[in-house]
Amino acid sequence: MKIIFLDVDGVLNSMQDGYSIRLKTDSHLKLLQYIVRETDAKIVLSSSWRIGFTPASKNLLNRFKEYGLEIMDCTPELSSACRGDEIRKWLNDTEYSVENFVILDDEANMAEFTETNLVQTDTNVGLQENEAIRCVKMLNA
């Protein structure tokens, strides 16, 4: 199984659109759709959007539905841990056999995964084509 650990703010929205909870920049969702289609990867939400069921998370599910995208799971919430620690815990605890994974995030601290699995987006513009292509190559390696 291939996994995309997905952040939302700075990836599917950006500073340019005021980090809109409406996820109104369709190009970001189309690029995520492209990654999933080309790799058959599953999405694990690692974003703070996974915590509680808020208007933002409800909108995320609705926008995903428009693009045929699904969230398979969410990383655990660990107090005083970096996102990389939460990803490591998910990987250690999962029953699935994970072949390859990428972390799609605008933050840089992903513990030991920073150098090998992180595809970092620019928070000013969100997910771009070059990053989507890089994700596909990493997942299909």
N, C-alpha and C. Protein backbone atom coordinates (compact mmCIF):
# COMPACT_ATOMS: atom_id res chain seq x y z
N MET A 1 0.83 -1.17 0.00
CA MET A 1 0.00 0.00 0.00
C MET A 1 0.89 1.25 0.00
N LYS A 2 0.45 2.24 -0.72
CA LYS A 2 1.14 3.53 -0.79
C LYS A 2 0.30 4.55 -0.03
N ILE A 3 0.96 5.41 0.73
CA ILE A 3 0.27 6.35 1.61
C ILE A 3 0.74 7.78 1.35
N ILE A 4 -0.23 8.69 1.33
CA ILE A 4 0.05 10.13 1.32
C ILE A 4 -0.37 10.65 2.69
N PHE A 5 0.59 11.10 3.48
CA PHE A 5 0.27 11.78 4.74
C PHE A 5 0.04 13.23 4.37
N LEU A 6 -1.19 13.69 4.50
CA LEU A 6 -1.61 14.96 3.93
C LEU A 6 -1.88 16.03 4.97
N ASP A 7 -1.21 17.16 4.79
CA ASP A 7 -1.53 18.39 5.50
C ASP A 7 -2.50 19.16 4.63
N VAL A 8 -3.25 20.09 5.19
CA VAL A 8 -4.20 20.88 4.40
C VAL A 8 -3.71 22.32 4.24
N ASP A 9 -3.54 23.04 5.35
CA ASP A 9 -3.12 24.44 5.27
C ASP A 9 -1.72 24.54 4.68
N GLY A 10 -1.60 25.29 3.59
CA GLY A 10 -0.32 25.43 2.91
C GLY A 10 -0.11 24.39 1.82
N VAL A 11 -1.04 23.45 1.69
CA VAL A 11 -0.98 22.42 0.65
C VAL A 11 -2.21 22.54 -0.25
N LEU A 12 -3.40 22.39 0.33
CA LEU A 12 -4.64 22.47 -0.44
C LEU A 12 -5.25 23.87 -0.40
N ASN A 13 -4.72 24.72 0.44
CA ASN A 13 -5.02 26.14 0.40
C ASN A 13 -3.69 26.86 0.62
N SER A 14 -3.69 28.17 0.60
CA SER A 14 -2.40 28.88 0.72
C SER A 14 -2.61 30.29 1.25
N MET A 15 -1.51 30.95 1.46
CA MET A 15 -1.56 32.34 1.89
C MET A 15 -2.29 33.19 0.85
N GLN A 16 -2.13 32.83 -0.44
CA GLN A 16 -2.77 33.59 -1.52
C GLN A 16 -4.29 33.63 -1.38
N ASP A 17 -4.89 32.56 -0.90
CA ASP A 17 -6.35 32.55 -0.76
C ASP A 17 -6.78 32.70 0.70
N GLY A 18 -5.86 33.19 1.53
CA GLY A 18 -6.18 33.43 2.93
C GLY A 18 -6.40 32.15 3.72
N TYR A 19 -5.75 31.06 3.30
CA TYR A 19 -5.92 29.74 3.94
C TYR A 19 -7.41 29.41 4.07
N SER A 20 -8.14 29.61 3.00
CA SER A 20 -9.59 29.44 2.98
C SER A 20 -10.00 28.03 3.38
N ILE A 21 -10.93 27.94 4.34
CA ILE A 21 -11.45 26.63 4.71
C ILE A 21 -12.36 26.08 3.62
N ARG A 22 -12.68 26.90 2.65
CA ARG A 22 -13.52 26.45 1.53
C ARG A 22 -12.71 25.69 0.47
N LEU A 23 -11.37 25.73 0.59
CA LEU A 23 -10.49 25.06 -0.38
C LEU A 23 -10.90 25.42 -1.80
N LYS A 24 -10.93 26.72 -2.05
CA LYS A 24 -11.49 27.21 -3.31
C LYS A 24 -10.52 27.18 -4.49
N THR A 25 -9.27 26.81 -4.28
CA THR A 25 -8.31 26.70 -5.38
C THR A 25 -8.37 25.28 -5.93
N ASP A 26 -9.15 25.10 -6.99
CA ASP A 26 -9.36 23.77 -7.54
C ASP A 26 -8.08 23.10 -8.03
N SER A 27 -7.11 23.89 -8.46
CA SER A 27 -5.88 23.28 -8.99
C SER A 27 -5.18 22.42 -7.95
N HIS A 28 -5.25 22.79 -6.67
CA HIS A 28 -4.63 21.99 -5.62
C HIS A 28 -5.30 20.62 -5.51
N LEU A 29 -6.62 20.63 -5.54
CA LEU A 29 -7.37 19.37 -5.45
C LEU A 29 -7.16 18.51 -6.70
N LYS A 30 -7.08 19.15 -7.85
CA LYS A 30 -6.82 18.40 -9.09
C LYS A 30 -5.45 17.74 -9.05
N LEU A 31 -4.47 18.43 -8.47
CA LEU A 31 -3.13 17.84 -8.37
C LEU A 31 -3.10 16.68 -7.39
N LEU A 32 -3.83 16.80 -6.29
CA LEU A 32 -3.93 15.68 -5.35
C LEU A 32 -4.64 14.50 -6.02
N GLN A 33 -5.67 14.78 -6.76
CA GLN A 33 -6.38 13.75 -7.52
C GLN A 33 -5.43 13.06 -8.49
N TYR A 34 -4.58 13.82 -9.16
CA TYR A 34 -3.59 13.28 -10.09
C TYR A 34 -2.64 12.33 -9.36
N ILE A 35 -2.15 12.74 -8.20
CA ILE A 35 -1.22 11.89 -7.43
C ILE A 35 -1.89 10.56 -7.09
N VAL A 36 -3.11 10.63 -6.59
CA VAL A 36 -3.83 9.41 -6.20
C VAL A 36 -4.09 8.53 -7.42
N ARG A 37 -4.51 9.13 -8.51
CA ARG A 37 -4.81 8.35 -9.72
C ARG A 37 -3.56 7.66 -10.27
N GLU A 38 -2.43 8.34 -10.26
CA GLU A 38 -1.19 7.80 -10.83
C GLU A 38 -0.51 6.77 -9.94
N THR A 39 -0.84 6.76 -8.65
CA THR A 39 -0.12 5.89 -7.72
C THR A 39 -1.02 4.90 -6.99
N ASP A 40 -2.32 5.11 -7.03
CA ASP A 40 -3.27 4.32 -6.26
C ASP A 40 -2.99 4.42 -4.76
N ALA A 41 -2.46 5.57 -4.34
CA ALA A 41 -2.14 5.80 -2.93
C ALA A 41 -3.40 6.11 -2.13
N LYS A 42 -3.34 5.83 -0.86
CA LYS A 42 -4.42 6.14 0.08
C LYS A 42 -4.01 7.38 0.88
N ILE A 43 -5.00 8.16 1.27
CA ILE A 43 -4.73 9.40 2.00
C ILE A 43 -4.95 9.20 3.49
N VAL A 44 -3.92 9.55 4.26
CA VAL A 44 -4.01 9.58 5.72
C VAL A 44 -3.84 11.05 6.11
N LEU A 45 -4.85 11.60 6.75
CA LEU A 45 -4.83 13.01 7.11
C LEU A 45 -3.93 13.21 8.32
N SER A 46 -2.90 14.03 8.14
CA SER A 46 -1.98 14.35 9.23
C SER A 46 -2.14 15.81 9.66
N SER A 47 -2.99 16.53 9.00
CA SER A 47 -3.27 17.94 9.27
C SER A 47 -3.98 18.14 10.59
N SER A 48 -3.87 19.32 11.15
CA SER A 48 -4.65 19.66 12.36
C SER A 48 -6.14 19.63 12.05
N TRP A 49 -6.52 19.63 10.78
CA TRP A 49 -7.93 19.54 10.38
C TRP A 49 -8.55 18.20 10.81
N ARG A 50 -7.73 17.23 11.21
CA ARG A 50 -8.25 15.92 11.60
C ARG A 50 -8.84 15.95 13.01
N ILE A 51 -8.57 16.99 13.77
CA ILE A 51 -8.95 17.04 15.18
C ILE A 51 -10.35 17.64 15.32
N GLY A 52 -11.27 16.85 15.81
CA GLY A 52 -12.65 17.31 15.96
C GLY A 52 -13.35 17.38 14.62
N PHE A 53 -14.64 17.55 14.64
CA PHE A 53 -15.38 17.68 13.39
C PHE A 53 -15.85 19.12 13.31
N THR A 54 -15.15 19.92 12.55
CA THR A 54 -15.37 21.35 12.45
C THR A 54 -15.97 21.70 11.09
N PRO A 55 -16.42 22.94 10.91
CA PRO A 55 -16.86 23.35 9.57
C PRO A 55 -15.76 23.14 8.52
N ALA A 56 -14.50 23.35 8.90
CA ALA A 56 -13.40 23.14 7.95
C ALA A 56 -13.30 21.68 7.56
N SER A 57 -13.38 20.76 8.52
CA SER A 57 -13.26 19.34 8.19
C SER A 57 -14.47 18.86 7.39
N LYS A 58 -15.64 19.39 7.69
CA LYS A 58 -16.84 19.04 6.92
C LYS A 58 -16.66 19.50 5.47
N ASN A 59 -16.14 20.70 5.29
CA ASN A 59 -15.91 21.22 3.94
C ASN A 59 -14.85 20.39 3.22
N LEU A 60 -13.81 19.95 3.93
CA LEU A 60 -12.79 19.11 3.33
C LEU A 60 -13.41 17.83 2.77
N LEU A 61 -14.26 17.19 3.55
CA LEU A 61 -14.91 15.96 3.08
C LEU A 61 -15.78 16.22 1.86
N ASN A 62 -16.50 17.34 1.87
CA ASN A 62 -17.34 17.68 0.72
C ASN A 62 -16.51 17.94 -0.53
N ARG A 63 -15.42 18.67 -0.38
CA ARG A 63 -14.56 18.97 -1.54
C ARG A 63 -13.89 17.69 -2.04
N PHE A 64 -13.46 16.82 -1.14
CA PHE A 64 -12.87 15.55 -1.55
C PHE A 64 -13.87 14.73 -2.35
N LYS A 65 -15.11 14.73 -1.91
CA LYS A 65 -16.15 13.97 -2.60
C LYS A 65 -16.29 14.45 -4.04
N GLU A 66 -16.19 15.77 -4.27
CA GLU A 66 -16.28 16.34 -5.62
C GLU A 66 -15.20 15.77 -6.54
N TYR A 67 -14.06 15.42 -5.98
CA TYR A 67 -12.92 14.94 -6.77
C TYR A 67 -12.71 13.43 -6.65
N GLY A 68 -13.64 12.74 -6.04
CA GLY A 68 -13.52 11.29 -5.91
C GLY A 68 -12.40 10.89 -4.97
N LEU A 69 -12.06 11.75 -4.02
CA LEU A 69 -10.99 11.47 -3.07
C LEU A 69 -11.58 11.03 -1.74
N GLU A 70 -10.85 10.17 -1.03
CA GLU A 70 -11.30 9.67 0.26
C GLU A 70 -10.15 9.73 1.26
N ILE A 71 -10.51 9.94 2.50
CA ILE A 71 -9.53 9.86 3.58
C ILE A 71 -9.63 8.47 4.18
N MET A 72 -8.54 7.74 4.12
CA MET A 72 -8.52 6.37 4.65
C MET A 72 -8.44 6.37 6.18
N ASP A 73 -7.65 7.31 6.72
CA ASP A 73 -7.40 7.31 8.16
C ASP A 73 -6.79 8.66 8.53
N CYS A 74 -6.56 8.84 9.82
CA CYS A 74 -5.90 10.03 10.34
C CYS A 74 -4.77 9.59 11.26
N THR A 75 -3.73 10.39 11.33
CA THR A 75 -2.66 10.11 12.27
C THR A 75 -3.16 10.41 13.68
N PRO A 76 -2.56 9.78 14.69
CA PRO A 76 -2.97 10.04 16.06
C PRO A 76 -2.53 11.44 16.50
N GLU A 77 -3.24 11.98 17.46
CA GLU A 77 -2.86 13.27 18.04
C GLU A 77 -2.02 12.99 19.28
N LEU A 78 -0.76 13.38 19.21
CA LEU A 78 0.15 13.19 20.34
C LEU A 78 0.51 14.56 20.90
N SER A 79 0.33 14.74 22.18
CA SER A 79 0.67 16.04 22.77
C SER A 79 2.18 16.24 22.75
N SER A 80 2.58 17.45 22.51
CA SER A 80 3.99 17.89 22.45
C SER A 80 4.86 17.01 21.54
N ALA A 81 4.32 16.62 20.42
CA ALA A 81 5.09 15.84 19.44
C ALA A 81 5.05 16.57 18.10
N CYS A 82 6.07 16.35 17.29
CA CYS A 82 6.04 16.92 15.95
C CYS A 82 5.22 15.99 15.05
N ARG A 83 4.84 16.49 13.92
CA ARG A 83 4.01 15.71 13.00
C ARG A 83 4.72 14.41 12.59
N GLY A 84 6.03 14.46 12.46
CA GLY A 84 6.79 13.25 12.12
C GLY A 84 6.62 12.16 13.17
N ASP A 85 6.52 12.55 14.45
CA ASP A 85 6.29 11.57 15.52
C ASP A 85 4.93 10.92 15.38
N GLU A 86 3.92 11.71 14.99
CA GLU A 86 2.57 11.18 14.81
C GLU A 86 2.52 10.22 13.60
N ILE A 87 3.27 10.56 12.57
CA ILE A 87 3.35 9.69 11.39
C ILE A 87 4.05 8.39 11.74
N ARG A 88 5.15 8.47 12.49
CA ARG A 88 5.86 7.27 12.91
C ARG A 88 4.95 6.35 13.73
N LYS A 89 4.18 6.94 14.64
CA LYS A 89 3.27 6.13 15.46
C LYS A 89 2.22 5.45 14.57
N TRP A 90 1.68 6.18 13.59
CA TRP A 90 0.70 5.57 12.69
C TRP A 90 1.34 4.41 11.93
N LEU A 91 2.54 4.62 11.41
CA LEU A 91 3.24 3.57 10.66
C LEU A 91 3.52 2.35 11.55
N ASN A 92 3.92 2.59 12.79
CA ASN A 92 4.21 1.49 13.71
C ASN A 92 2.97 0.72 14.14
N ASP A 93 1.83 1.41 14.22
CA ASP A 93 0.61 0.80 14.73
C ASP A 93 -0.30 0.23 13.65
N THR A 94 -0.06 0.58 12.39
CA THR A 94 -1.00 0.16 11.35
C THR A 94 -0.90 -1.34 11.06
N GLU A 95 -2.02 -1.87 10.66
CA GLU A 95 -2.07 -3.28 10.25
C GLU A 95 -1.73 -3.43 8.77
N TYR A 96 -1.68 -2.31 8.05
CA TYR A 96 -1.40 -2.35 6.61
C TYR A 96 0.09 -2.48 6.34
N SER A 97 0.40 -3.10 5.23
CA SER A 97 1.78 -3.19 4.78
C SER A 97 2.05 -1.97 3.88
N VAL A 98 2.84 -1.03 4.38
CA VAL A 98 3.10 0.21 3.65
C VAL A 98 4.36 0.04 2.81
N GLU A 99 4.16 0.10 1.51
CA GLU A 99 5.25 -0.06 0.53
C GLU A 99 6.06 1.22 0.40
N ASN A 100 5.39 2.34 0.18
CA ASN A 100 6.01 3.66 0.06
C ASN A 100 5.07 4.69 0.64
N PHE A 101 5.64 5.81 1.10
CA PHE A 101 4.80 6.90 1.57
C PHE A 101 5.49 8.24 1.33
N VAL A 102 4.66 9.25 1.20
CA VAL A 102 5.15 10.63 1.14
C VAL A 102 4.39 11.44 2.19
N ILE A 103 5.07 12.46 2.66
CA ILE A 103 4.46 13.44 3.55
C ILE A 103 4.32 14.72 2.74
N LEU A 104 3.11 15.13 2.51
CA LEU A 104 2.83 16.32 1.72
C LEU A 104 2.44 17.42 2.70
N ASP A 105 3.37 18.36 2.92
CA ASP A 105 3.20 19.33 4.01
C ASP A 105 3.99 20.59 3.70
N ASP A 106 3.58 21.71 4.28
CA ASP A 106 4.35 22.94 4.12
C ASP A 106 5.33 23.15 5.28
N GLU A 107 5.24 22.33 6.30
CA GLU A 107 6.18 22.39 7.43
C GLU A 107 7.36 21.47 7.16
N ALA A 108 8.48 21.75 7.82
CA ALA A 108 9.71 21.02 7.51
C ALA A 108 10.11 19.97 8.56
N ASN A 109 9.59 20.02 9.77
CA ASN A 109 10.04 19.12 10.82
C ASN A 109 9.21 17.84 10.82
N MET A 110 9.73 16.83 10.15
CA MET A 110 9.05 15.54 10.07
C MET A 110 9.92 14.43 10.64
N ALA A 111 10.68 14.79 11.68
CA ALA A 111 11.55 13.83 12.37
C ALA A 111 12.50 13.18 11.37
N GLU A 112 12.67 11.87 11.47
CA GLU A 112 13.63 11.18 10.59
C GLU A 112 13.15 11.09 9.15
N PHE A 113 11.90 11.47 8.88
CA PHE A 113 11.34 11.38 7.53
C PHE A 113 11.57 12.65 6.69
N THR A 114 12.12 13.69 7.31
CA THR A 114 12.27 14.98 6.62
C THR A 114 13.06 14.85 5.33
N GLU A 115 14.17 14.17 5.38
CA GLU A 115 15.05 14.08 4.20
C GLU A 115 14.60 13.05 3.18
N THR A 116 13.86 12.04 3.62
CA THR A 116 13.55 10.93 2.72
C THR A 116 12.12 10.90 2.18
N ASN A 117 11.16 11.43 2.94
CA ASN A 117 9.76 11.24 2.56
C ASN A 117 8.95 12.53 2.43
N LEU A 118 9.54 13.65 2.79
CA LEU A 118 8.82 14.92 2.76
C LEU A 118 8.85 15.56 1.38
N VAL A 119 7.67 15.94 0.90
CA VAL A 119 7.54 16.82 -0.25
C VAL A 119 6.95 18.09 0.31
N GLN A 120 7.79 19.09 0.45
CA GLN A 120 7.39 20.33 1.11
C GLN A 120 6.86 21.35 0.11
N THR A 121 5.66 21.84 0.40
CA THR A 121 5.05 22.86 -0.45
C THR A 121 5.38 24.25 0.10
N ASP A 122 5.20 25.24 -0.75
CA ASP A 122 5.37 26.64 -0.36
C ASP A 122 4.03 27.13 0.17
N THR A 123 3.98 27.51 1.43
CA THR A 123 2.74 27.94 2.06
C THR A 123 2.09 29.13 1.34
N ASN A 124 2.88 29.88 0.58
CA ASN A 124 2.34 31.03 -0.14
C ASN A 124 1.46 30.63 -1.31
N VAL A 125 1.74 29.47 -1.92
CA VAL A 125 1.01 29.07 -3.13
C VAL A 125 0.37 27.69 -3.05
N GLY A 126 0.72 26.88 -2.07
CA GLY A 126 0.16 25.54 -1.95
C GLY A 126 0.75 24.57 -2.96
N LEU A 127 0.12 23.42 -3.09
CA LEU A 127 0.59 22.33 -3.95
C LEU A 127 0.70 22.78 -5.41
N GLN A 128 1.86 22.50 -6.00
CA GLN A 128 2.14 22.87 -7.39
C GLN A 128 2.47 21.60 -8.19
N GLU A 129 2.48 21.73 -9.49
CA GLU A 129 2.69 20.58 -10.37
C GLU A 129 4.01 19.87 -10.11
N ASN A 130 5.09 20.62 -9.91
CA ASN A 130 6.40 19.98 -9.69
C ASN A 130 6.39 19.11 -8.43
N GLU A 131 5.67 19.53 -7.40
CA GLU A 131 5.59 18.73 -6.18
C GLU A 131 4.71 17.50 -6.39
N ALA A 132 3.65 17.65 -7.16
CA ALA A 132 2.79 16.50 -7.47
C ALA A 132 3.57 15.44 -8.25
N ILE A 133 4.36 15.87 -9.21
CA ILE A 133 5.18 14.95 -10.00
C ILE A 133 6.19 14.24 -9.09
N ARG A 134 6.78 15.01 -8.19
CA ARG A 134 7.76 14.42 -7.26
C ARG A 134 7.09 13.37 -6.38
N CYS A 135 5.87 13.64 -5.91
CA CYS A 135 5.13 12.66 -5.10
C CYS A 135 4.90 11.38 -5.88
N VAL A 136 4.47 11.52 -7.12
CA VAL A 136 4.22 10.34 -7.97
C VAL A 136 5.49 9.51 -8.12
N LYS A 137 6.60 10.17 -8.39
CA LYS A 137 7.87 9.44 -8.56
C LYS A 137 8.28 8.73 -7.28
N MET A 138 8.11 9.40 -6.15
CA MET A 138 8.49 8.79 -4.86
C MET A 138 7.59 7.60 -4.52
N LEU A 139 6.31 7.75 -4.75
CA LEU A 139 5.37 6.68 -4.42
C LEU A 139 5.52 5.48 -5.36
N ASN A 140 5.85 5.73 -6.61
CA ASN A 140 5.97 4.64 -7.58
C ASN A 140 7.39 4.08 -7.69
N ALA A 141 8.31 4.56 -6.86
CA ALA A 141 9.70 4.10 -6.91
C ALA A 141 9.82 2.64 -6.53
